[in-house]
Amino acid sequence: MAKLIEIIAGLAVFGFWMNIVGNPHVVETVLGLIIGTSVGFWVYRKLANLW
């Protein structure tokens, strides 16, 4: 369950980032992937500590 929430959180942040950027190029896309992955790992670590 925590893994599913991690994926959803990462995709939500990545989608939000792409919505803000508008017409992304390679750098903006890579930055969005890094931010989304980082948020996903952070959410997973926080949820793993709770359960």
Protein backbone atom coordinates (compact mmCIF):
# COMPACT_ATOMS: atom_id res chain seq x y z
CA MET A 1 0.00 0.00 0.00
CA ALA A 2 2.84 2.42 0.82
CA LYS A 3 4.43 1.66 -2.56
CA LEU A 4 1.20 2.59 -4.36
CA ILE A 5 0.96 5.87 -2.44
CA GLU A 6 4.62 6.56 -3.28
CA ILE A 7 3.95 6.14 -6.99
CA ILE A 8 0.80 8.28 -6.89
CA ALA A 9 2.58 11.06 -4.98
CA GLY A 10 5.54 11.05 -7.36
CA LEU A 11 3.33 11.14 -10.43
CA ALA A 12 1.16 13.89 -8.95
CA VAL A 13 4.18 16.10 -8.26
CA PHE A 14 5.63 15.36 -11.69
CA GLY A 15 2.30 16.21 -13.34
CA PHE A 16 2.01 19.40 -11.32
CA TRP A 17 5.55 20.39 -12.31
CA MET A 18 4.83 19.77 -16.00
CA ASN A 19 1.66 21.83 -15.69
CA ILE A 20 3.63 24.75 -14.23
CA VAL A 21 6.43 24.52 -16.83
CA GLY A 22 4.04 24.48 -19.79
CA ASN A 23 6.18 23.61 -22.83
CA PRO A 24 8.94 21.50 -21.28
CA HIS A 25 12.33 20.86 -22.80
CA VAL A 26 14.81 18.18 -21.75
CA VAL A 27 16.15 20.06 -18.72
CA GLU A 28 12.69 20.80 -17.31
CA THR A 29 11.59 17.21 -17.85
CA VAL A 30 14.67 15.77 -16.12
CA LEU A 31 14.24 18.24 -13.26
CA GLY A 32 10.59 17.16 -12.93
CA LEU A 33 11.61 13.50 -12.86
CA ILE A 34 14.17 14.19 -10.14
CA ILE A 35 11.67 16.16 -8.05
CA GLY A 36 8.93 13.54 -8.51
CA THR A 37 11.25 10.67 -7.62
CA SER A 38 12.55 12.51 -4.57
CA VAL A 39 9.05 13.22 -3.31
CA GLY A 40 8.07 9.58 -3.92
CA PHE A 41 11.02 8.30 -1.88
CA TRP A 42 10.33 10.83 0.87
CA VAL A 43 6.66 9.82 1.09
CA TYR A 44 7.60 6.14 1.15
CA ARG A 45 10.11 6.65 3.97
CA LYS A 46 7.59 8.63 6.03
CA LEU A 47 4.86 6.01 5.51
CA ALA A 48 7.21 3.12 6.23
CA ASN A 49 8.02 4.72 9.59
CA LEU A 50 4.32 5.07 10.43
CA TRP A 51 3.38 1.46 9.60
